[in-house]
Amino acid sequence: MYIFGAVVAILFGLFALFAPVWTLKFFVIIAAIALIIIGLVSIITSLAHVGSRGWGMHFLLGLVELAAGIILCFNTGAALWLVMTVVGSFILVRSVLEVVLGAKFKDDGADKALMIISGLIGTVLGILVLVNTQASASIVMILLGAYSLVFGAMSLLYGARTHKVLHKR
């Protein structure tokens, strides 16, 4: 599992480094499509249950989801800010947890150090992303790509070591 996540992180990092604007726009498009589909399904499902308890709320929720998807399609500036805020928050929370988990890790070896270093780098990056959400999306994506490559490499090393230990038993 670590190795699969590591490969995904490394691929994302490469895309973000070499095609930052395209990568960010791709995220916005995926989110918009998902919201439009979810909204349409909610609307259709609620209309199939007209008169049953809560159908009106499901219909309203579907309209909100559909509207959000359409807004994302036509207002990419706001969408990019929102995406960067969510990504920065995610990185910050995950990285702080990595530092905490690394500090509590019983093994005092390289795994503990890797987890803490990765968490510290991610914490700084998460703060930078949150403070500079209006800065150039390209620069932020390049930083995210670099973080993703470091995180992916660390996860790949950890996954390989874990796999090696598990198969020795």
Protein backbone atom coordinates (compact mmCIF):
# COMPACT_ATOMS: atom_id res chain seq x y z
CA MET A 1 0.00 0.00 0.00
CA TYR A 2 2.84 2.39 0.83
CA ILE A 3 4.49 1.63 -2.49
CA PHE A 4 1.32 2.35 -4.51
CA GLY A 5 0.81 5.65 -2.67
CA ALA A 6 4.47 6.48 -3.18
CA VAL A 7 4.24 5.88 -6.92
CA VAL A 8 1.11 8.06 -7.16
CA ALA A 9 2.85 10.82 -5.16
CA ILE A 10 5.93 10.66 -7.39
CA LEU A 11 3.83 10.78 -10.59
CA PHE A 12 1.87 13.74 -9.24
CA GLY A 13 5.13 15.44 -8.29
CA LEU A 14 6.52 15.02 -11.79
CA PHE A 15 3.35 16.38 -13.42
CA ALA A 16 3.26 19.30 -10.98
CA LEU A 17 6.92 20.16 -11.59
CA PHE A 18 6.83 19.97 -15.38
CA ALA A 19 3.23 21.08 -16.09
CA PRO A 20 2.09 23.06 -13.02
CA VAL A 21 -0.72 25.09 -14.58
CA TRP A 22 -2.10 22.10 -16.46
CA THR A 23 -2.03 19.98 -13.28
CA LEU A 24 -3.95 22.58 -11.28
CA LYS A 25 -6.51 23.13 -14.03
CA PHE A 26 -6.92 19.36 -14.26
CA PHE A 27 -7.82 19.24 -10.54
CA VAL A 28 -10.40 21.98 -10.99
CA ILE A 29 -11.94 20.26 -14.02
CA ILE A 30 -12.15 16.91 -12.18
CA ALA A 31 -13.79 18.58 -9.17
CA ALA A 32 -16.26 20.42 -11.42
CA ILE A 33 -17.22 17.26 -13.32
CA ALA A 34 -17.63 15.32 -10.08
CA LEU A 35 -19.90 18.00 -8.59
CA ILE A 36 -22.01 18.23 -11.73
CA ILE A 37 -22.49 14.45 -11.85
CA ILE A 38 -23.23 14.20 -8.13
CA GLY A 39 -25.68 17.10 -8.40
CA LEU A 40 -27.51 15.57 -11.36
CA VAL A 41 -27.74 12.18 -9.62
CA SER A 42 -29.08 13.85 -6.46
CA ILE A 43 -31.70 15.77 -8.45
CA ILE A 44 -32.82 12.71 -10.42
CA THR A 45 -32.92 10.53 -7.30
CA SER A 46 -34.93 13.11 -5.37
CA LEU A 47 -37.42 13.51 -8.24
CA ALA A 48 -37.91 9.75 -8.27
CA HIS A 49 -38.95 9.99 -4.61
CA VAL A 50 -41.21 13.06 -4.69
CA GLY A 51 -43.50 13.01 -1.67
CA SER A 52 -41.25 10.84 0.47
CA ARG A 53 -39.59 12.26 3.55
CA GLY A 54 -36.60 14.49 2.77
CA TRP A 55 -36.93 14.49 -1.01
CA GLY A 56 -37.01 18.30 -1.09
CA MET A 57 -33.74 18.59 0.82
CA HIS A 58 -32.07 16.09 -1.51
CA PHE A 59 -33.37 18.07 -4.48
CA LEU A 60 -32.01 21.32 -3.01
CA LEU A 61 -28.68 19.69 -2.23
CA GLY A 62 -28.50 18.45 -5.83
CA LEU A 63 -29.11 21.97 -7.11
CA VAL A 64 -26.33 23.33 -4.87
CA GLU A 65 -23.90 20.63 -6.06
CA LEU A 66 -24.81 21.24 -9.69
CA ALA A 67 -24.42 25.01 -9.28
CA ALA A 68 -21.05 24.58 -7.55
CA GLY A 69 -19.80 22.41 -10.42
CA ILE A 70 -20.93 24.94 -13.02
CA ILE A 71 -19.35 27.81 -11.06
CA LEU A 72 -16.06 25.89 -10.91
CA CYS A 73 -16.17 25.52 -14.69
CA PHE A 74 -16.62 29.25 -15.31
CA ASN A 75 -14.79 30.84 -12.38
CA THR A 76 -11.43 29.14 -12.28
CA GLY A 77 -9.80 31.94 -10.26
CA ALA A 78 -12.02 31.32 -7.25
CA ALA A 79 -11.78 27.60 -7.84
CA LEU A 80 -7.98 27.69 -7.86
CA TRP A 81 -7.95 29.68 -4.61
CA LEU A 82 -10.31 27.17 -3.02
CA VAL A 83 -8.31 24.21 -4.28
CA MET A 84 -5.07 25.70 -2.97
CA THR A 85 -6.68 26.41 0.41
CA VAL A 86 -7.89 22.82 0.70
CA VAL A 87 -4.55 21.40 -0.45
CA GLY A 88 -2.58 23.65 1.91
CA SER A 89 -4.83 22.69 4.83
CA PHE A 90 -4.50 18.99 4.00
CA ILE A 91 -0.71 19.18 3.78
CA LEU A 92 -0.47 21.14 7.02
CA VAL A 93 -2.70 18.77 9.01
CA ARG A 94 -1.12 15.62 7.57
CA SER A 95 2.40 16.93 8.11
CA VAL A 96 1.80 17.95 11.71
CA LEU A 97 0.39 14.48 12.33
CA GLU A 98 3.49 12.95 10.68
CA VAL A 99 5.73 14.88 13.08
CA VAL A 100 3.62 13.79 16.07
CA LEU A 101 3.54 10.15 14.91
CA GLY A 102 7.25 10.23 14.10
CA ALA A 103 8.03 11.55 17.58
CA LYS A 104 5.98 8.73 19.13
CA PHE A 105 7.52 6.09 16.84
CA LYS A 106 9.18 3.45 19.04
CA ASP A 107 11.98 2.78 16.56
CA ASP A 108 14.69 5.43 16.90
CA GLY A 109 16.19 4.55 13.52
CA ALA A 110 15.92 5.97 10.03
CA ASP A 111 12.12 5.47 9.77
CA LYS A 112 11.49 7.82 12.68
CA ALA A 113 13.85 10.44 11.26
CA LEU A 114 12.34 10.17 7.76
CA MET A 115 8.82 10.62 9.11
CA ILE A 116 9.76 13.65 11.20
CA ILE A 117 11.77 15.28 8.37
CA SER A 118 8.97 14.70 5.88
CA GLY A 119 6.47 16.11 8.37
CA LEU A 120 8.56 19.22 9.05
CA ILE A 121 9.02 19.93 5.33
CA GLY A 122 5.31 19.43 4.77
CA THR A 123 4.38 21.71 7.67
CA VAL A 124 6.43 24.55 6.22
CA LEU A 125 4.96 23.94 2.76
CA GLY A 126 1.40 23.80 4.11
CA ILE A 127 1.87 27.16 5.81
CA LEU A 128 3.41 28.67 2.67
CA VAL A 129 0.51 27.45 0.54
CA LEU A 130 -2.09 28.85 2.96
CA VAL A 131 -0.34 32.22 3.27
CA ASN A 132 0.26 32.57 -0.49
CA THR A 133 -2.96 31.23 -2.03
CA GLN A 134 -3.15 34.24 -4.35
CA ALA A 135 0.46 33.88 -5.45
CA SER A 136 1.29 32.29 -8.75
CA ALA A 137 -0.40 28.91 -9.02
CA SER A 138 2.57 27.70 -11.04
CA ILE A 139 5.02 28.39 -8.20
CA VAL A 140 2.73 26.78 -5.65
CA MET A 141 2.27 23.71 -7.86
CA ILE A 142 6.03 23.42 -8.33
CA LEU A 143 6.45 23.49 -4.54
CA LEU A 144 3.69 20.90 -4.18
CA GLY A 145 5.39 18.81 -6.84
CA ALA A 146 8.72 18.98 -4.99
CA TYR A 147 6.99 18.07 -1.71
CA SER A 148 5.17 15.23 -3.43
CA LEU A 149 8.44 13.86 -4.83
CA VAL A 150 10.08 13.97 -1.38
CA PHE A 151 7.01 12.44 0.27
CA GLY A 152 6.78 9.78 -2.46
CA ALA A 153 10.46 8.90 -2.19
CA MET A 154 10.24 8.65 1.62
CA SER A 155 7.11 6.50 1.33
CA LEU A 156 8.75 4.30 -1.30
CA LEU A 157 11.75 3.72 0.99
CA TYR A 158 9.49 2.99 3.95
CA GLY A 159 7.25 0.69 1.86
CA ALA A 160 10.25 -1.22 0.50
CA ARG A 161 11.67 -1.65 4.00
CA THR A 162 8.29 -2.77 5.39
CA HIS A 163 7.83 -5.20 2.49
CA LYS A 164 11.31 -6.63 3.08
CA VAL A 165 10.65 -7.10 6.83
CA LEU A 166 7.23 -8.70 6.28
CA HIS A 167 8.56 -11.22 3.76
CA LYS A 168 11.45 -12.28 5.99
CA ARG A 169 8.99 -13.72 8.52
